[in-house]
Every structure is written in C-alpha cells, then in structure tokens.
Amino acid sequence: MLRVSLFDEMALCTDAEVERMLPLVPESRRSRAMEIGHLQGRFASLKSYLMLSSILKSDFSLDSFNIAVEEHGKPYLLDSPQIHFSISHCRSAIAVAVCDRPVGIDAESFRPVSDALLDKCMNADEKAAIISSGAREETFAAYWTRKEAVFKLLGTGITDNLHGILSTDAEIDTTINREKGYAVSVALFSREKQS
C-alpha cells in the first residue's frame, strides 16, 4: 500500500502557522524545527511531520512512532520496520510518501538550469532531452526528482552515480505542476524485485 500526501499552499507558510503547529508535534521535532534558521524550513519540518503522522494514523493504524536515521541519512520508523516513508520539500511544495515497502520521494521547484549543471547531473541522453524539450526548467526538475527519489529509495544519499542512477529497476511516477512550478517523483521497486 502506497500513500502520498502533497501540500503546495505555501502562502500558509507564516510565523503564525509555525506557532500553531508547534504544540502538535513531539518535543524532539519542535526543537529540531526551531533550530532551522529560516521560516520556510521550520514550516516544512513541522508540516511534513504532521502529514506523516496523519498518514500513519489513518492508513497504517499507527498512533505513535519514533524516527531514527540510517548511516546515509535515510529516516525510518524505529518501532515499525515494515512501514517505510520518505519526505521531501522545496520552495513550492512538501511531499510525503508512506508504503509497506521501501519508497523514495522528491519535490523540486523549477529553477534556471545552466549547461554546467546539466553536465554535472545528467547523462548525454538526459541532457539532450532537457535541451530539446522547450521547457528546460520543468524537464530538468522532472529528471532531478526521479534521480533523487531513487537515491532515497536506495538509502544511499546522493552519490557520484548521477548519470546512471535511472538505469535501476525502480518504478518511478512523476507529476508536474506547471501552475505552481514544481515536479514530484515517487520511486518504488517492483513487488517482484522485493521478493
């Protein structure tokens, strides 16, 4: 079972909303959120936790949970290893995925893309597709979120395999929101690969 929650009403990212959410999260998340030096980061930390909590409660019957972090930074549920989650946020959106198998999610706002960035992050075919797309920023964001979702799925963090990461056996679903200017990708391994 895969559940994805997406929040993109970033006009609600205010100091008042951060204050409203603070008492709704555990002390450890409050402290972590308030250590972040900018409003958007504090808001995303609190909002993503509440989104995760809502999915875990409504779809996985989990009222409480503890989050731990693996060696490369991938978070997991300490007391419920059979439930996997991934969180991402960008300037335009916050995305949370929860699944009964490993999952990775990434959100990326559209932004200007230089040739140097393309050379660093994309292989020749991907670079050609982005340049010829007529929507360079949008297509780059779609490719980037696919790559980062797979890295999160694998739990490796971003490695030097940026050019070849999409050759894995992951199933990737990408959504583009042109109106709000972002892409979101979710990556899973097929059920057969999990067996």
C-alpha atoms as a PDB file:
ATOM      1  CA  MET A   1       0.000   0.000   0.000  1.00  0.00           C
ATOM      2  CA  LEU A   2       1.392   3.380  -1.052  1.00  0.00           C
ATOM      3  CA  ARG A   3       0.051   6.641   0.315  1.00  0.00           C
ATOM      4  CA  VAL A   4       1.326  10.022  -0.879  1.00  0.00           C
ATOM      5  CA  SER A   5       0.437  13.391   0.619  1.00  0.00           C
ATOM      6  CA  LEU A   6       1.264  16.639  -1.143  1.00  0.00           C
ATOM      7  CA  PHE A   7       0.983  20.168   0.244  1.00  0.00           C
ATOM      8  CA  ASP A   8       1.545  23.153  -2.036  1.00  0.00           C
ATOM      9  CA  GLU A   9      -0.337  26.019  -0.406  1.00  0.00           C
ATOM     10  CA  MET A  10       2.916  27.724   0.528  1.00  0.00           C
ATOM     11  CA  ALA A  11       1.160  31.050   1.170  1.00  0.00           C
ATOM     12  CA  LEU A  12       0.262  29.425   4.504  1.00  0.00           C
ATOM     13  CA  CYS A  13       3.957  29.374   5.424  1.00  0.00           C
ATOM     14  CA  THR A  14       3.774  32.033   8.150  1.00  0.00           C
ATOM     15  CA  ASP A  15       5.147  32.550  11.643  1.00  0.00           C
ATOM     16  CA  ALA A  16       1.587  32.222  12.974  1.00  0.00           C
ATOM     17  CA  GLU A  17       1.173  28.817  11.325  1.00  0.00           C
ATOM     18  CA  VAL A  18       4.517  27.636  12.715  1.00  0.00           C
ATOM     19  CA  GLU A  19       3.366  28.694  16.199  1.00  0.00           C
ATOM     20  CA  ARG A  20       0.061  26.859  15.683  1.00  0.00           C
ATOM     21  CA  MET A  21       1.822  23.618  14.692  1.00  0.00           C
ATOM     22  CA  LEU A  22       4.469  23.616  17.451  1.00  0.00           C
ATOM     23  CA  PRO A  23       2.296  22.086  20.196  1.00  0.00           C
ATOM     24  CA  LEU A  24       1.044  19.394  17.779  1.00  0.00           C
ATOM     25  CA  VAL A  25       4.440  17.687  17.413  1.00  0.00           C
ATOM     26  CA  PRO A  26       6.736  15.967  19.928  1.00  0.00           C
ATOM     27  CA  GLU A  27       9.415  17.993  21.691  1.00  0.00           C
ATOM     28  CA  SER A  28      12.191  16.437  19.607  1.00  0.00           C
ATOM     29  CA  ARG A  29      10.569  17.668  16.362  1.00  0.00           C
ATOM     30  CA  ARG A  30       9.821  21.088  17.887  1.00  0.00           C
ATOM     31  CA  SER A  31      13.457  21.535  18.880  1.00  0.00           C
ATOM     32  CA  ARG A  32      14.727  20.362  15.514  1.00  0.00           C
ATOM     33  CA  ALA A  33      12.334  22.646  13.627  1.00  0.00           C
ATOM     34  CA  MET A  34      13.168  25.716  15.707  1.00  0.00           C
ATOM     35  CA  GLU A  35      16.909  25.218  15.124  1.00  0.00           C
ATOM     36  CA  ILE A  36      16.311  25.868  11.410  1.00  0.00           C
ATOM     37  CA  GLY A  37      17.319  29.421  10.600  1.00  0.00           C
ATOM     38  CA  HIS A  38      14.550  30.304   8.139  1.00  0.00           C
ATOM     39  CA  LEU A  39      10.758  30.311   8.263  1.00  0.00           C
ATOM     40  CA  GLN A  40      10.242  28.013   5.272  1.00  0.00           C
ATOM     41  CA  GLY A  41      12.474  25.331   6.793  1.00  0.00           C
ATOM     42  CA  ARG A  42      10.729  25.483  10.163  1.00  0.00           C
ATOM     43  CA  PHE A  43       7.340  25.325   8.476  1.00  0.00           C
ATOM     44  CA  ALA A  44       8.357  22.368   6.240  1.00  0.00           C
ATOM     45  CA  SER A  45       9.796  20.429   9.190  1.00  0.00           C
ATOM     46  CA  LEU A  46       6.602  20.757  11.209  1.00  0.00           C
ATOM     47  CA  LYS A  47       4.153  20.351   8.319  1.00  0.00           C
ATOM     48  CA  SER A  48       5.879  17.252   6.912  1.00  0.00           C
ATOM     49  CA  TYR A  49       5.869  15.615  10.356  1.00  0.00           C
ATOM     50  CA  LEU A  50       2.132  16.270  10.714  1.00  0.00           C
ATOM     51  CA  MET A  51       1.497  14.938   7.194  1.00  0.00           C
ATOM     52  CA  LEU A  52       3.466  11.775   8.019  1.00  0.00           C
ATOM     53  CA  SER A  53       1.631  11.383  11.328  1.00  0.00           C
ATOM     54  CA  SER A  54      -1.740  11.730   9.596  1.00  0.00           C
ATOM     55  CA  ILE A  55      -0.960   9.031   7.021  1.00  0.00           C
ATOM     56  CA  LEU A  56       0.473   6.667   9.631  1.00  0.00           C
ATOM     57  CA  LYS A  57      -2.626   7.049  11.794  1.00  0.00           C
ATOM     58  CA  SER A  58      -5.331   6.924   9.118  1.00  0.00           C
ATOM     59  CA  ASP A  59      -3.869   4.392   6.680  1.00  0.00           C
ATOM     60  CA  PHE A  60      -1.476   2.292   8.785  1.00  0.00           C
ATOM     61  CA  SER A  61      -3.229   2.398  12.207  1.00  0.00           C
ATOM     62  CA  LEU A  62      -0.095   3.733  13.883  1.00  0.00           C
ATOM     63  CA  ASP A  63      -0.862   6.280  16.607  1.00  0.00           C
ATOM     64  CA  SER A  64       2.686   6.836  17.802  1.00  0.00           C
ATOM     65  CA  PHE A  65       6.106   6.378  16.264  1.00  0.00           C
ATOM     66  CA  ASN A  66       9.774   7.102  16.711  1.00  0.00           C
ATOM     67  CA  ILE A  67      12.014   8.157  13.841  1.00  0.00           C
ATOM     68  CA  ALA A  68      15.640   7.071  13.596  1.00  0.00           C
ATOM     69  CA  VAL A  69      18.192   7.718  10.846  1.00  0.00           C
ATOM     70  CA  GLU A  70      20.329   5.201   8.938  1.00  0.00           C
ATOM     71  CA  GLU A  71      24.028   5.697   8.189  1.00  0.00           C
ATOM     72  CA  HIS A  72      23.465   7.725   4.997  1.00  0.00           C
ATOM     73  CA  GLY A  73      20.682   9.846   6.465  1.00  0.00           C
ATOM     74  CA  LYS A  74      17.615   7.844   5.413  1.00  0.00           C
ATOM     75  CA  PRO A  75      14.948   8.118   8.133  1.00  0.00           C
ATOM     76  CA  TYR A  76      12.977   5.078   9.248  1.00  0.00           C
ATOM     77  CA  LEU A  77      10.390   4.114  11.851  1.00  0.00           C
ATOM     78  CA  LEU A  78      12.258   2.618  14.770  1.00  0.00           C
ATOM     79  CA  ASP A  79       9.357   0.526  16.104  1.00  0.00           C
ATOM     80  CA  SER A  80       7.687  -0.330  12.773  1.00  0.00           C
ATOM     81  CA  PRO A  81      10.333  -1.513  10.298  1.00  0.00           C
ATOM     82  CA  GLN A  82       7.664  -2.924   7.963  1.00  0.00           C
ATOM     83  CA  ILE A  83       6.433   0.620   7.223  1.00  0.00           C
ATOM     84  CA  HIS A  84       8.671   2.839   5.076  1.00  0.00           C
ATOM     85  CA  PHE A  85       8.467   6.580   4.433  1.00  0.00           C
ATOM     86  CA  SER A  86      10.162   9.392   2.595  1.00  0.00           C
ATOM     87  CA  ILE A  87       9.803  13.165   2.921  1.00  0.00           C
ATOM     88  CA  SER A  88      10.816  15.996   0.612  1.00  0.00           C
ATOM     89  CA  HIS A  89      10.207  19.704   0.414  1.00  0.00           C
ATOM     90  CA  CYS A  90      11.162  22.547  -1.844  1.00  0.00           C
ATOM     91  CA  ARG A  91      10.206  26.198  -2.203  1.00  0.00           C
ATOM     92  CA  SER A  92       6.871  25.213  -3.801  1.00  0.00           C
ATOM     93  CA  ALA A  93       5.710  22.016  -2.092  1.00  0.00           C
ATOM     94  CA  ILE A  94       6.033  19.447   0.679  1.00  0.00           C
ATOM     95  CA  ALA A  95       5.658  15.759  -0.205  1.00  0.00           C
ATOM     96  CA  VAL A  96       5.387  12.665   1.996  1.00  0.00           C
ATOM     97  CA  ALA A  97       5.190   9.028   0.867  1.00  0.00           C
ATOM     98  CA  VAL A  98       4.437   6.065   3.146  1.00  0.00           C
ATOM     99  CA  CYS A  99       4.486   2.477   1.934  1.00  0.00           C
ATOM    100  CA  ASP A 100       4.649  -1.139   3.054  1.00  0.00           C
ATOM    101  CA  ARG A 101       7.909  -1.442   1.082  1.00  0.00           C
ATOM    102  CA  PRO A 102      10.888   0.885   0.567  1.00  0.00           C
ATOM    103  CA  VAL A 103       9.956   4.193  -1.079  1.00  0.00           C
ATOM    104  CA  GLY A 104      11.652   7.416  -2.128  1.00  0.00           C
ATOM    105  CA  ILE A 105      10.030  10.773  -2.886  1.00  0.00           C
ATOM    106  CA  ASP A 106      11.447  14.072  -4.085  1.00  0.00           C
ATOM    107  CA  ALA A 107      10.000  17.513  -4.832  1.00  0.00           C
ATOM    108  CA  GLU A 108      11.862  20.204  -6.775  1.00  0.00           C
ATOM    109  CA  SER A 109      10.856  23.731  -7.757  1.00  0.00           C
ATOM    110  CA  PHE A 110      11.562  24.877 -11.285  1.00  0.00           C
ATOM    111  CA  ARG A 111      14.733  26.978 -11.463  1.00  0.00           C
ATOM    112  CA  PRO A 112      17.157  28.247 -14.085  1.00  0.00           C
ATOM    113  CA  VAL A 113      19.417  25.472 -15.379  1.00  0.00           C
ATOM    114  CA  SER A 114      22.939  26.148 -16.639  1.00  0.00           C
ATOM    115  CA  ASP A 115      24.861  23.967 -19.086  1.00  0.00           C
ATOM    116  CA  ALA A 116      27.386  23.301 -16.311  1.00  0.00           C
ATOM    117  CA  LEU A 117      24.625  21.939 -14.064  1.00  0.00           C
ATOM    118  CA  LEU A 118      23.341  19.739 -16.885  1.00  0.00           C
ATOM    119  CA  ASP A 119      26.858  18.370 -17.473  1.00  0.00           C
ATOM    120  CA  LYS A 120      27.267  17.606 -13.769  1.00  0.00           C
ATOM    121  CA  CYS A 121      23.872  15.960 -13.187  1.00  0.00           C
ATOM    122  CA  MET A 122      22.676  14.446 -16.457  1.00  0.00           C
ATOM    123  CA  ASN A 123      23.959  11.897 -18.942  1.00  0.00           C
ATOM    124  CA  ALA A 124      24.083  12.763 -22.649  1.00  0.00           C
ATOM    125  CA  ASP A 125      20.585  11.450 -23.439  1.00  0.00           C
ATOM    126  CA  GLU A 126      19.015  13.236 -20.471  1.00  0.00           C
ATOM    127  CA  LYS A 127      20.814  16.478 -21.312  1.00  0.00           C
ATOM    128  CA  ALA A 128      19.628  16.283 -24.943  1.00  0.00           C
ATOM    129  CA  ALA A 129      16.045  15.645 -23.827  1.00  0.00           C
ATOM    130  CA  ILE A 130      16.129  18.634 -21.466  1.00  0.00           C
ATOM    131  CA  ILE A 131      17.626  20.989 -24.062  1.00  0.00           C
ATOM    132  CA  SER A 132      15.191  19.918 -26.795  1.00  0.00           C
ATOM    133  CA  SER A 133      12.111  19.919 -24.543  1.00  0.00           C
ATOM    134  CA  GLY A 134      11.205  23.583 -24.909  1.00  0.00           C
ATOM    135  CA  ALA A 135      10.640  23.603 -21.131  1.00  0.00           C
ATOM    136  CA  ARG A 136      14.167  23.339 -19.798  1.00  0.00           C
ATOM    137  CA  GLU A 137      13.475  24.139 -16.130  1.00  0.00           C
ATOM    138  CA  GLU A 138      10.434  21.871 -15.961  1.00  0.00           C
ATOM    139  CA  THR A 139      12.145  18.933 -17.673  1.00  0.00           C
ATOM    140  CA  PHE A 140      15.255  19.310 -15.517  1.00  0.00           C
ATOM    141  CA  ALA A 141      13.092  19.261 -12.369  1.00  0.00           C
ATOM    142  CA  ALA A 142      11.361  16.092 -13.574  1.00  0.00           C
ATOM    143  CA  TYR A 143      14.661  14.314 -14.211  1.00  0.00           C
ATOM    144  CA  TRP A 144      16.198  15.570 -10.981  1.00  0.00           C
ATOM    145  CA  THR A 145      13.262  14.413  -8.825  1.00  0.00           C
ATOM    146  CA  ARG A 146      13.403  10.972 -10.458  1.00  0.00           C
ATOM    147  CA  LYS A 147      17.095  10.689  -9.632  1.00  0.00           C
ATOM    148  CA  GLU A 148      16.765  11.895  -6.063  1.00  0.00           C
ATOM    149  CA  ALA A 149      13.688   9.703  -5.423  1.00  0.00           C
ATOM    150  CA  VAL A 150      15.743   6.657  -6.488  1.00  0.00           C
ATOM    151  CA  PHE A 151      18.664   7.697  -4.264  1.00  0.00           C
ATOM    152  CA  LYS A 152      16.197   8.000  -1.361  1.00  0.00           C
ATOM    153  CA  LEU A 153      14.668   4.628  -2.255  1.00  0.00           C
ATOM    154  CA  LEU A 154      18.125   3.038  -2.144  1.00  0.00           C
ATOM    155  CA  GLY A 155      19.014   4.885   1.059  1.00  0.00           C
ATOM    156  CA  THR A 156      22.445   5.862  -0.229  1.00  0.00           C
ATOM    157  CA  GLY A 157      22.095   9.611  -0.334  1.00  0.00           C
ATOM    158  CA  ILE A 158      23.233  11.370  -3.488  1.00  0.00           C
ATOM    159  CA  THR A 159      26.305   9.567  -4.797  1.00  0.00           C
ATOM    160  CA  ASP A 160      28.561  10.146  -7.766  1.00  0.00           C
ATOM    161  CA  ASN A 161      26.289   7.926  -9.889  1.00  0.00           C
ATOM    162  CA  LEU A 162      24.135  10.856 -11.018  1.00  0.00           C
ATOM    163  CA  HIS A 163      24.500   9.952 -14.698  1.00  0.00           C
ATOM    164  CA  GLY A 164      23.461   6.306 -14.330  1.00  0.00           C
ATOM    165  CA  ILE A 165      21.054   6.189 -11.383  1.00  0.00           C
ATOM    166  CA  LEU A 166      17.932   5.990 -13.560  1.00  0.00           C
ATOM    167  CA  SER A 167      19.096   2.672 -15.012  1.00  0.00           C
ATOM    168  CA  THR A 168      17.978   0.915 -11.796  1.00  0.00           C
ATOM    169  CA  ASP A 169      14.896  -1.296 -11.725  1.00  0.00           C
ATOM    170  CA  ALA A 170      12.844   1.264  -9.835  1.00  0.00           C
ATOM    171  CA  GLU A 171       9.319   2.149 -10.889  1.00  0.00           C
ATOM    172  CA  ILE A 172       9.085   5.949 -10.939  1.00  0.00           C
ATOM    173  CA  ASP A 173       5.977   8.110 -11.155  1.00  0.00           C
ATOM    174  CA  THR A 174       6.489  11.825 -11.846  1.00  0.00           C
ATOM    175  CA  THR A 175       3.938  14.622 -11.556  1.00  0.00           C
ATOM    176  CA  ILE A 176       4.493  18.141 -12.893  1.00  0.00           C
ATOM    177  CA  ASN A 177       2.585  21.134 -11.537  1.00  0.00           C
ATOM    178  CA  ARG A 178       3.179  23.880 -14.104  1.00  0.00           C
ATOM    179  CA  GLU A 179       0.905  26.360 -12.353  1.00  0.00           C
ATOM    180  CA  LYS A 180       2.865  26.245  -9.091  1.00  0.00           C
ATOM    181  CA  GLY A 181       6.211  25.442 -10.700  1.00  0.00           C
ATOM    182  CA  TYR A 182       7.404  22.112  -9.311  1.00  0.00           C
ATOM    183  CA  ALA A 183       7.863  18.410 -10.012  1.00  0.00           C
ATOM    184  CA  VAL A 184       7.391  15.456  -7.647  1.00  0.00           C
ATOM    185  CA  SER A 185       8.612  11.896  -8.228  1.00  0.00           C
ATOM    186  CA  VAL A 186       7.943   8.718  -6.251  1.00  0.00           C
ATOM    187  CA  ALA A 187      10.187   5.664  -6.663  1.00  0.00           C
ATOM    188  CA  LEU A 188       9.491   2.061  -5.660  1.00  0.00           C
ATOM    189  CA  PHE A 189      10.960  -1.288  -6.545  1.00  0.00           C
ATOM    190  CA  SER A 190       8.533  -3.631  -8.242  1.00  0.00           C
ATOM    191  CA  ARG A 191       6.929  -6.258  -5.990  1.00  0.00           C
ATOM    192  CA  GLU A 192       8.857  -8.927  -7.918  1.00  0.00           C
ATOM    193  CA  LYS A 193      12.197  -7.269  -7.126  1.00  0.00           C
ATOM    194  CA  GLN A 194      11.235  -7.105  -3.436  1.00  0.00           C
ATOM    195  CA  SER A 195      10.663 -10.883  -3.276  1.00  0.00           C
END
